[in-house]
């Protein structure tokens, strides 16, 4: 899977006059993104899981991973996915619990 495929649904950001930057979140660590894509292969699901977790972190939830370096909420969410601290469950209309 191409690294930029995950951000294809996002609007592009100008790249200093050189062209279009396909990743509107350049502050994300590419290594974390690549590792998280191995855990959640569907880019749409990965974006949704990361977005939901980033909102939680920005509203005061504590990170589920420790880091010696200061990470932004997006990278924390990716690390949590990589380390298996957060997962997702697809909605199933036939499931009586939904």
Protein backbone atom coordinates (compact mmCIF):
# COMPACT_ATOMS: atom_id res chain seq x y z
CA UNK A 1 0.00 0.00 0.00
CA UNK A 2 1.34 3.42 -0.88
CA UNK A 3 2.05 5.59 2.18
CA UNK A 4 0.07 8.52 0.81
CA UNK A 5 -3.04 6.40 0.20
CA UNK A 6 -4.16 6.85 3.79
CA UNK A 7 -4.50 10.59 3.33
CA UNK A 8 -6.17 10.51 -0.10
CA UNK A 9 -9.52 11.52 1.40
CA UNK A 10 -8.03 14.63 3.01
CA UNK A 11 -7.78 17.91 1.20
CA UNK A 12 -4.25 18.63 -0.04
CA UNK A 13 -2.06 21.31 1.50
CA UNK A 14 0.15 23.54 -0.68
CA UNK A 15 3.82 22.62 -0.47
CA UNK A 16 5.77 25.92 -0.61
CA UNK A 17 4.98 26.43 -4.28
CA UNK A 18 6.62 23.16 -5.34
CA UNK A 19 3.35 21.27 -5.76
CA UNK A 20 0.77 19.60 -3.58
CA UNK A 21 1.68 17.84 -0.37
CA UNK A 22 -0.51 14.69 -0.24
CA UNK A 23 -0.04 14.37 3.53
CA UNK A 24 -1.84 17.23 5.31
CA UNK A 25 -0.27 16.02 8.58
CA UNK A 26 3.47 16.30 7.88
CA UNK A 27 4.23 16.29 11.61
CA UNK A 28 3.31 12.60 11.82
CA UNK A 29 6.27 10.29 12.14
CA UNK A 30 6.38 8.21 8.95
CA UNK A 31 7.72 5.20 10.83
CA UNK A 32 4.69 5.17 13.15
CA UNK A 33 2.33 5.53 10.20
CA UNK A 34 3.92 2.62 8.34
CA UNK A 35 3.80 0.39 11.42
CA UNK A 36 0.17 1.30 12.17
CA UNK A 37 -0.78 0.47 8.56
CA UNK A 38 0.46 -3.07 9.20
CA UNK A 39 -2.00 -3.37 12.11
CA UNK A 40 -4.99 -1.65 10.44
CA UNK A 41 -4.64 -2.13 6.69
CA UNK A 42 -7.75 -0.19 5.61
CA UNK A 43 -6.69 3.48 5.40
CA UNK A 44 -10.22 4.74 6.03
CA UNK A 45 -10.52 2.77 9.24
CA UNK A 46 -7.05 3.83 10.36
CA UNK A 47 -7.90 7.50 9.83
CA UNK A 48 -11.14 7.11 11.78
CA UNK A 49 -9.49 5.27 14.69
CA UNK A 50 -6.66 7.80 14.90
CA UNK A 51 -9.06 10.76 14.64
CA UNK A 52 -11.32 9.47 17.39
CA UNK A 53 -8.39 8.75 19.69
CA UNK A 54 -6.80 12.17 19.01
CA UNK A 55 -10.06 13.83 20.06
CA UNK A 56 -10.03 11.83 23.29
CA UNK A 57 -6.41 12.77 23.98
CA UNK A 58 -7.07 16.44 23.29
CA UNK A 59 -10.00 16.36 25.72
CA UNK A 60 -7.87 15.05 28.56
CA UNK A 61 -7.60 11.29 28.18
CA UNK A 62 -4.25 9.95 29.29
CA UNK A 63 -1.99 8.23 26.75
CA UNK A 64 -1.86 4.44 27.02
CA UNK A 65 1.81 4.38 25.99
CA UNK A 66 4.90 5.89 27.54
CA UNK A 67 7.51 7.78 25.58
CA UNK A 68 10.79 9.44 26.42
CA UNK A 69 10.23 11.93 23.62
CA UNK A 70 7.42 14.44 23.41
CA UNK A 71 4.85 13.21 20.88
CA UNK A 72 1.87 14.97 19.35
CA UNK A 73 -1.58 13.38 19.86
CA UNK A 74 -1.57 11.85 16.37
CA UNK A 75 1.71 10.04 17.01
CA UNK A 76 0.51 8.88 20.42
CA UNK A 77 -2.61 7.39 18.80
CA UNK A 78 -0.48 5.63 16.18
CA UNK A 79 1.83 4.22 18.87
CA UNK A 80 -1.20 2.98 20.81
CA UNK A 81 -2.40 1.15 17.69
CA UNK A 82 1.06 -0.29 17.02
CA UNK A 83 1.40 -1.56 20.59
CA UNK A 84 -2.12 -3.06 20.57
CA UNK A 85 -3.42 -0.71 23.27
CA UNK A 86 -6.44 0.35 21.19
CA UNK A 87 -8.44 -1.60 18.64
CA UNK A 88 -11.65 -1.15 16.69
CA UNK A 89 -14.81 -3.08 16.00
CA UNK A 90 -16.83 -2.71 12.83
CA UNK A 91 -20.55 -2.05 13.18
CA UNK A 92 -22.71 -5.09 12.40
CA UNK A 93 -26.46 -4.41 12.10
CA UNK A 94 -27.21 -8.10 12.84
CA UNK A 95 -25.32 -8.03 16.15
CA UNK A 96 -27.82 -7.82 19.03
CA UNK A 97 -25.31 -5.82 21.10
CA UNK A 98 -25.40 -2.91 18.61
